[in-house]
Amino acid sequence: MMIARTQELTARELEVLKLLSCGLNSKEISERLYISTNTVEYHRKQLLRKMEARNAAELIGKAYRMNILKVEE
């Protein structure tokens, strides 16, 4: 199985990923994006599956290494 390319991630998945990288939990993300926590959890599971990550830390690390996320100055 291949790791997801940026174009394989949806716009909403990218939003959730960015907020995860800021340290927000599912409830906080759901409030920011005006979606249910169940929807956030679905996007998190999809991100983990697509990026072949076991947890949020590994997911965020891979996203930075693949330049999906970038360090903001």
PDB file of N, CA and C in Angstrom:
ATOM      1  N   MET A   1       0.841  -1.182   0.000  1.00  0.00           N
ATOM      2  CA  MET A   1       0.000   0.000   0.000  1.00  0.00           C
ATOM      3  C   MET A   1       0.884   1.242   0.000  1.00  0.00           C
ATOM      4  N   MET A   2       0.504   2.214  -0.798  1.00  0.00           N
ATOM      5  CA  MET A   2       1.276   3.442  -0.929  1.00  0.00           C
ATOM      6  C   MET A   2       0.751   4.510   0.024  1.00  0.00           C
ATOM      7  N   ILE A   3       1.651   5.325   0.536  1.00  0.00           N
ATOM      8  CA  ILE A   3       1.242   6.440   1.380  1.00  0.00           C
ATOM      9  C   ILE A   3       0.538   7.475   0.510  1.00  0.00           C
ATOM     10  N   ALA A   4      -0.497   8.093   1.072  1.00  0.00           N
ATOM     11  CA  ALA A   4      -1.322   9.054   0.336  1.00  0.00           C
ATOM     12  C   ALA A   4      -0.500  10.224  -0.181  1.00  0.00           C
ATOM     13  N   ARG A   5      -0.873  10.665  -1.329  1.00  0.00           N
ATOM     14  CA  ARG A   5      -0.314  11.902  -1.861  1.00  0.00           C
ATOM     15  C   ARG A   5      -1.259  13.017  -1.459  1.00  0.00           C
ATOM     16  N   THR A   6      -0.781  14.247  -1.487  1.00  0.00           N
ATOM     17  CA  THR A   6      -1.590  15.379  -1.059  1.00  0.00           C
ATOM     18  C   THR A   6      -2.927  15.421  -1.773  1.00  0.00           C
ATOM     19  N   GLN A   7      -2.948  15.140  -3.073  1.00  0.00           N
ATOM     20  CA  GLN A   7      -4.192  15.222  -3.824  1.00  0.00           C
ATOM     21  C   GLN A   7      -5.190  14.144  -3.419  1.00  0.00           C
ATOM     22  N   GLU A   8      -4.728  13.088  -2.737  1.00  0.00           N
ATOM     23  CA  GLU A   8      -5.624  12.039  -2.283  1.00  0.00           C
ATOM     24  C   GLU A   8      -6.312  12.409  -0.974  1.00  0.00           C
ATOM     25  N   LEU A   9      -5.818  13.431  -0.288  1.00  0.00           N
ATOM     26  CA  LEU A   9      -6.450  13.903   0.935  1.00  0.00           C
ATOM     27  C   LEU A   9      -7.485  14.954   0.561  1.00  0.00           C
ATOM     28  N   THR A  10      -8.636  14.880   1.203  1.00  0.00           N
ATOM     29  CA  THR A  10      -9.677  15.871   0.913  1.00  0.00           C
ATOM     30  C   THR A  10      -9.333  17.188   1.591  1.00  0.00           C
ATOM     31  N   ALA A  11     -10.005  18.236   1.161  1.00  0.00           N
ATOM     32  CA  ALA A  11      -9.789  19.553   1.767  1.00  0.00           C
ATOM     33  C   ALA A  11     -10.104  19.507   3.256  1.00  0.00           C
ATOM     34  N   ARG A  12     -11.167  18.803   3.639  1.00  0.00           N
ATOM     35  CA  ARG A  12     -11.543  18.715   5.047  1.00  0.00           C
ATOM     36  C   ARG A  12     -10.510  17.918   5.832  1.00  0.00           C
ATOM     37  N   GLU A  13      -9.974  16.852   5.243  1.00  0.00           N
ATOM     38  CA  GLU A  13      -8.922  16.084   5.914  1.00  0.00           C
ATOM     39  C   GLU A  13      -7.698  16.950   6.149  1.00  0.00           C
ATOM     40  N   LEU A  14      -7.355  17.785   5.191  1.00  0.00           N
ATOM     41  CA  LEU A  14      -6.216  18.686   5.359  1.00  0.00           C
ATOM     42  C   LEU A  14      -6.469  19.691   6.477  1.00  0.00           C
ATOM     43  N   GLU A  15      -7.708  20.189   6.569  1.00  0.00           N
ATOM     44  CA  GLU A  15      -8.058  21.111   7.661  1.00  0.00           C
ATOM     45  C   GLU A  15      -7.910  20.423   9.009  1.00  0.00           C
ATOM     46  N   VAL A  16      -8.433  19.212   9.112  1.00  0.00           N
ATOM     47  CA  VAL A  16      -8.348  18.459  10.363  1.00  0.00           C
ATOM     48  C   VAL A  16      -6.888  18.182  10.697  1.00  0.00           C
ATOM     49  N   LEU A  17      -6.100  17.793   9.723  1.00  0.00           N
ATOM     50  CA  LEU A  17      -4.677  17.519   9.929  1.00  0.00           C
ATOM     51  C   LEU A  17      -3.959  18.742  10.466  1.00  0.00           C
ATOM     52  N   LYS A  18      -4.214  19.903   9.879  1.00  0.00           N
ATOM     53  CA  LYS A  18      -3.565  21.138  10.321  1.00  0.00           C
ATOM     54  C   LYS A  18      -3.938  21.454  11.770  1.00  0.00           C
ATOM     55  N   LEU A  19      -5.213  21.300  12.109  1.00  0.00           N
ATOM     56  CA  LEU A  19      -5.649  21.579  13.473  1.00  0.00           C
ATOM     57  C   LEU A  19      -5.084  20.555  14.456  1.00  0.00           C
ATOM     58  N   LEU A  20      -4.964  19.300  14.037  1.00  0.00           N
ATOM     59  CA  LEU A  20      -4.317  18.288  14.883  1.00  0.00           C
ATOM     60  C   LEU A  20      -2.872  18.683  15.165  1.00  0.00           C
ATOM     61  N   SER A  21      -2.200  19.194  14.147  1.00  0.00           N
ATOM     62  CA  SER A  21      -0.796  19.569  14.308  1.00  0.00           C
ATOM     63  C   SER A  21      -0.635  20.768  15.239  1.00  0.00           C
ATOM     64  N   CYS A  22      -1.719  21.511  15.460  1.00  0.00           N
ATOM     65  CA  CYS A  22      -1.710  22.633  16.409  1.00  0.00           C
ATOM     66  C   CYS A  22      -2.026  22.170  17.824  1.00  0.00           C
ATOM     67  N   GLY A  23      -2.275  20.873  18.002  1.00  0.00           N
ATOM     68  CA  GLY A  23      -2.516  20.324  19.319  1.00  0.00           C
ATOM     69  C   GLY A  23      -3.972  20.280  19.742  1.00  0.00           C
ATOM     70  N   LEU A  24      -4.906  20.554  18.825  1.00  0.00           N
ATOM     71  CA  LEU A  24      -6.320  20.523  19.173  1.00  0.00           C
ATOM     72  C   LEU A  24      -6.821  19.087  19.240  1.00  0.00           C
ATOM     73  N   ASN A  25      -7.777  18.846  20.134  1.00  0.00           N
ATOM     74  CA  ASN A  25      -8.393  17.520  20.208  1.00  0.00           C
ATOM     75  C   ASN A  25      -9.642  17.498  19.332  1.00  0.00           C
ATOM     76  N   SER A  26     -10.288  16.361  19.246  1.00  0.00           N
ATOM     77  CA  SER A  26     -11.439  16.209  18.347  1.00  0.00           C
ATOM     78  C   SER A  26     -12.577  17.174  18.685  1.00  0.00           C
ATOM     79  N   LYS A  27     -12.840  17.365  19.964  1.00  0.00           N
ATOM     80  CA  LYS A  27     -13.925  18.270  20.371  1.00  0.00           C
ATOM     81  C   LYS A  27     -13.612  19.701  19.944  1.00  0.00           C
ATOM     82  N   GLU A  28     -12.378  20.135  20.157  1.00  0.00           N
ATOM     83  CA  GLU A  28     -11.977  21.493  19.774  1.00  0.00           C
ATOM     84  C   GLU A  28     -12.035  21.674  18.257  1.00  0.00           C
ATOM     85  N   ILE A  29     -11.604  20.653  17.526  1.00  0.00           N
ATOM     86  CA  ILE A  29     -11.658  20.730  16.060  1.00  0.00           C
ATOM     87  C   ILE A  29     -13.104  20.797  15.596  1.00  0.00           C
ATOM     88  N   SER A  30     -13.977  19.998  16.197  1.00  0.00           N
ATOM     89  CA  SER A  30     -15.389  20.005  15.792  1.00  0.00           C
ATOM     90  C   SER A  30     -16.008  21.377  16.015  1.00  0.00           C
ATOM     91  N   GLU A  31     -15.647  22.044  17.116  1.00  0.00           N
ATOM     92  CA  GLU A  31     -16.165  23.387  17.386  1.00  0.00           C
ATOM     93  C   GLU A  31     -15.638  24.405  16.381  1.00  0.00           C
ATOM     94  N   ARG A  32     -14.375  24.277  16.009  1.00  0.00           N
ATOM     95  CA  ARG A  32     -13.776  25.215  15.037  1.00  0.00           C
ATOM     96  C   ARG A  32     -14.368  25.056  13.645  1.00  0.00           C
ATOM     97  N   LEU A  33     -14.630  23.808  13.251  1.00  0.00           N
ATOM     98  CA  LEU A  33     -15.087  23.541  11.888  1.00  0.00           C
ATOM     99  C   LEU A  33     -16.609  23.397  11.787  1.00  0.00           C
ATOM    100  N   TYR A  34     -17.304  23.520  12.927  1.00  0.00           N
ATOM    101  CA  TYR A  34     -18.771  23.401  12.955  1.00  0.00           C
ATOM    102  C   TYR A  34     -19.243  22.064  12.400  1.00  0.00           C
ATOM    103  N   ILE A  35     -18.566  21.001  12.847  1.00  0.00           N
ATOM    104  CA  ILE A  35     -18.961  19.636  12.485  1.00  0.00           C
ATOM    105  C   ILE A  35     -19.007  18.812  13.772  1.00  0.00           C
ATOM    106  N   SER A  36     -19.600  17.641  13.707  1.00  0.00           N
ATOM    107  CA  SER A  36     -19.703  16.806  14.905  1.00  0.00           C
ATOM    108  C   SER A  36     -18.357  16.162  15.234  1.00  0.00           C
ATOM    109  N   THR A  37     -18.213  15.773  16.496  1.00  0.00           N
ATOM    110  CA  THR A  37     -16.982  15.084  16.889  1.00  0.00           C
ATOM    111  C   THR A  37     -16.873  13.733  16.175  1.00  0.00           C
ATOM    112  N   ASN A  38     -18.013  13.106  15.887  1.00  0.00           N
ATOM    113  CA  ASN A  38     -17.976  11.848  15.132  1.00  0.00           C
ATOM    114  C   ASN A  38     -17.390  12.065  13.744  1.00  0.00           C
ATOM    115  N   THR A  39     -17.718  13.180  13.117  1.00  0.00           N
ATOM    116  CA  THR A  39     -17.178  13.492  11.793  1.00  0.00           C
ATOM    117  C   THR A  39     -15.676  13.728  11.880  1.00  0.00           C
ATOM    118  N   VAL A  40     -15.233  14.420  12.911  1.00  0.00           N
ATOM    119  CA  VAL A  40     -13.798  14.639  13.106  1.00  0.00           C
ATOM    120  C   VAL A  40     -13.098  13.297  13.279  1.00  0.00           C
ATOM    121  N   GLU A  41     -13.675  12.419  14.100  1.00  0.00           N
ATOM    122  CA  GLU A  41     -13.083  11.098  14.313  1.00  0.00           C
ATOM    123  C   GLU A  41     -13.013  10.303  13.011  1.00  0.00           C
ATOM    124  N   TYR A  42     -14.029  10.422  12.170  1.00  0.00           N
ATOM    125  CA  TYR A  42     -14.009   9.755  10.860  1.00  0.00           C
ATOM    126  C   TYR A  42     -12.831  10.276  10.027  1.00  0.00           C
ATOM    127  N   HIS A  43     -12.659  11.605   9.978  1.00  0.00           N
ATOM    128  CA  HIS A  43     -11.557  12.180   9.203  1.00  0.00           C
ATOM    129  C   HIS A  43     -10.206  11.741   9.773  1.00  0.00           C
ATOM    130  N   ARG A  44     -10.099  11.683  11.100  1.00  0.00           N
ATOM    131  CA  ARG A  44      -8.851  11.220  11.721  1.00  0.00           C
ATOM    132  C   ARG A  44      -8.537   9.786  11.309  1.00  0.00           C
ATOM    133  N   LYS A  45      -9.536   8.917  11.332  1.00  0.00           N
ATOM    134  CA  LYS A  45      -9.326   7.524  10.937  1.00  0.00           C
ATOM    135  C   LYS A  45      -8.913   7.422   9.476  1.00  0.00           C
ATOM    136  N   GLN A  46      -9.544   8.224   8.630  1.00  0.00           N
ATOM    137  CA  GLN A  46      -9.189   8.229   7.204  1.00  0.00           C
ATOM    138  C   GLN A  46      -7.749   8.704   7.019  1.00  0.00           C
ATOM    139  N   LEU A  47      -7.357   9.736   7.746  1.00  0.00           N
ATOM    140  CA  LEU A  47      -5.985  10.241   7.659  1.00  0.00           C
ATOM    141  C   LEU A  47      -4.983   9.175   8.098  1.00  0.00           C
ATOM    142  N   LEU A  48      -5.271   8.517   9.214  1.00  0.00           N
ATOM    143  CA  LEU A  48      -4.372   7.463   9.699  1.00  0.00           C
ATOM    144  C   LEU A  48      -4.247   6.349   8.668  1.00  0.00           C
ATOM    145  N   ARG A  49      -5.371   5.965   8.074  1.00  0.00           N
ATOM    146  CA  ARG A  49      -5.357   4.898   7.069  1.00  0.00           C
ATOM    147  C   ARG A  49      -4.574   5.326   5.834  1.00  0.00           C
ATOM    148  N   LYS A  50      -4.892   6.498   5.306  1.00  0.00           N
ATOM    149  CA  LYS A  50      -4.253   6.962   4.075  1.00  0.00           C
ATOM    150  C   LYS A  50      -2.755   7.208   4.252  1.00  0.00           C
ATOM    151  N   MET A  51      -2.367   7.688   5.425  1.00  0.00           N
ATOM    152  CA  MET A  51      -0.963   8.007   5.666  1.00  0.00           C
ATOM    153  C   MET A  51      -0.208   6.835   6.293  1.00  0.00           C
ATOM    154  N   GLU A  52      -0.908   5.712   6.505  1.00  0.00           N
ATOM    155  CA  GLU A  52      -0.302   4.525   7.098  1.00  0.00           C
ATOM    156  C   GLU A  52       0.387   4.860   8.415  1.00  0.00           C
ATOM    157  N   ALA A  53      -0.346   5.558   9.274  1.00  0.00           N
ATOM    158  CA  ALA A  53       0.169   5.949  10.583  1.00  0.00           C
ATOM    159  C   ALA A  53      -0.621   5.235  11.671  1.00  0.00           C
ATOM    160  N   ARG A  54       0.042   4.975  12.790  1.00  0.00           N
ATOM    161  CA  ARG A  54      -0.611   4.266  13.899  1.00  0.00           C
ATOM    162  C   ARG A  54      -1.236   5.209  14.913  1.00  0.00           C
ATOM    163  N   ASN A  55      -0.776   6.455  14.940  1.00  0.00           N
ATOM    164  CA  ASN A  55      -1.303   7.409  15.907  1.00  0.00           C
ATOM    165  C   ASN A  55      -1.099   8.827  15.375  1.00  0.00           C
ATOM    166  N   ALA A  56      -1.618   9.806  16.114  1.00  0.00           N
ATOM    167  CA  ALA A  56      -1.574  11.196  15.654  1.00  0.00           C
ATOM    168  C   ALA A  56      -0.141  11.711  15.533  1.00  0.00           C
ATOM    169  N   ALA A  57       0.729  11.307  16.461  1.00  0.00           N
ATOM    170  CA  ALA A  57       2.116  11.776  16.408  1.00  0.00           C
ATOM    171  C   ALA A  57       2.806  11.312  15.124  1.00  0.00           C
ATOM    172  N   GLU A  58       2.624  10.044  14.796  1.00  0.00           N
ATOM    173  CA  GLU A  58       3.221   9.505  13.574  1.00  0.00           C
ATOM    174  C   GLU A  58       2.601  10.169  12.344  1.00  0.00           C
ATOM    175  N   LEU A  59       1.303  10.399  12.380  1.00  0.00           N
ATOM    176  CA  LEU A  59       0.597  11.060  11.283  1.00  0.00           C
ATOM    177  C   LEU A  59       1.172  12.448  11.020  1.00  0.00           C
ATOM    178  N   ILE A  60       1.337  13.227  12.056  1.00  0.00           N
ATOM    179  CA  ILE A  60       1.834  14.590  11.904  1.00  0.00           C
ATOM    180  C   ILE A  60       3.287  14.580  11.449  1.00  0.00           C
ATOM    181  N   GLY A  61       4.086  13.676  12.008  1.00  0.00           N
ATOM    182  CA  GLY A  61       5.481  13.569  11.579  1.00  0.00           C
ATOM    183  C   GLY A  61       5.589  13.250  10.099  1.00  0.00           C
ATOM    184  N   LYS A  62       4.806  12.281   9.629  1.00  0.00           N
ATOM    185  CA  LYS A  62       4.824  11.922   8.209  1.00  0.00           C
ATOM    186  C   LYS A  62       4.351  13.094   7.349  1.00  0.00           C
ATOM    187  N   ALA A  63       3.336  13.799   7.815  1.00  0.00           N
ATOM    188  CA  ALA A  63       2.804  14.936   7.046  1.00  0.00           C
ATOM    189  C   ALA A  63       3.871  16.016   6.864  1.00  0.00           C
ATOM    190  N   TYR A  64       4.671  16.267   7.896  1.00  0.00           N
ATOM    191  CA  TYR A  64       5.748  17.252   7.764  1.00  0.00           C
ATOM    192  C   TYR A  64       6.850  16.726   6.842  1.00  0.00           C
ATOM    193  N   ARG A  65       7.215  15.458   6.994  1.00  0.00           N
ATOM    194  CA  ARG A  65       8.278  14.904   6.140  1.00  0.00           C
ATOM    195  C   ARG A  65       7.868  14.873   4.673  1.00  0.00           C
ATOM    196  N   MET A  66       6.562  14.717   4.415  1.00  0.00           N
ATOM    197  CA  MET A  66       6.077  14.672   3.033  1.00  0.00           C
ATOM    198  C   MET A  66       5.719  16.062   2.501  1.00  0.00           C
ATOM    199  N   ASN A  67       5.969  17.090   3.309  1.00  0.00           N
ATOM    200  CA  ASN A  67       5.667  18.481   2.953  1.00  0.00           C
ATOM    201  C   ASN A  67       4.178  18.734   2.738  1.00  0.00           C
ATOM    202  N   ILE A  68       3.332  17.920   3.366  1.00  0.00           N
ATOM    203  CA  ILE A  68       1.903  18.195   3.362  1.00  0.00           C
ATOM    204  C   ILE A  68       1.626  19.327   4.346  1.00  0.00           C
ATOM    205  N   LEU A  69       2.339  19.288   5.471  1.00  0.00           N
ATOM    206  CA  LEU A  69       2.316  20.375   6.442  1.00  0.00           C
ATOM    207  C   LEU A  69       3.667  21.065   6.375  1.00  0.00           C
ATOM    208  N   LYS A  70       3.667  22.364   6.591  1.00  0.00           N
ATOM    209  CA  LYS A  70       4.913  23.117   6.576  1.00  0.00           C
ATOM    210  C   LYS A  70       5.035  23.911   7.865  1.00  0.00           C
ATOM    211  N   VAL A  71       6.266  24.108   8.320  1.00  0.00           N
ATOM    212  CA  VAL A  71       6.511  24.900   9.516  1.00  0.00           C
ATOM    213  C   VAL A  71       6.224  26.351   9.187  1.00  0.00           C
ATOM    214  N   GLU A  72       5.343  26.967  10.006  1.00  0.00           N
ATOM    215  CA  GLU A  72       5.019  28.383   9.802  1.00  0.00           C
ATOM    216  C   GLU A  72       5.960  29.225  10.628  1.00  0.00           C
ATOM    217  N   GLU A  73       6.434  30.305  10.036  1.00  0.00           N
ATOM    218  CA  GLU A  73       7.368  31.192  10.746  1.00  0.00           C
ATOM    219  C   GLU A  73       6.618  32.358  11.325  1.00  0.00           C
TER     220      GLU A  73
END
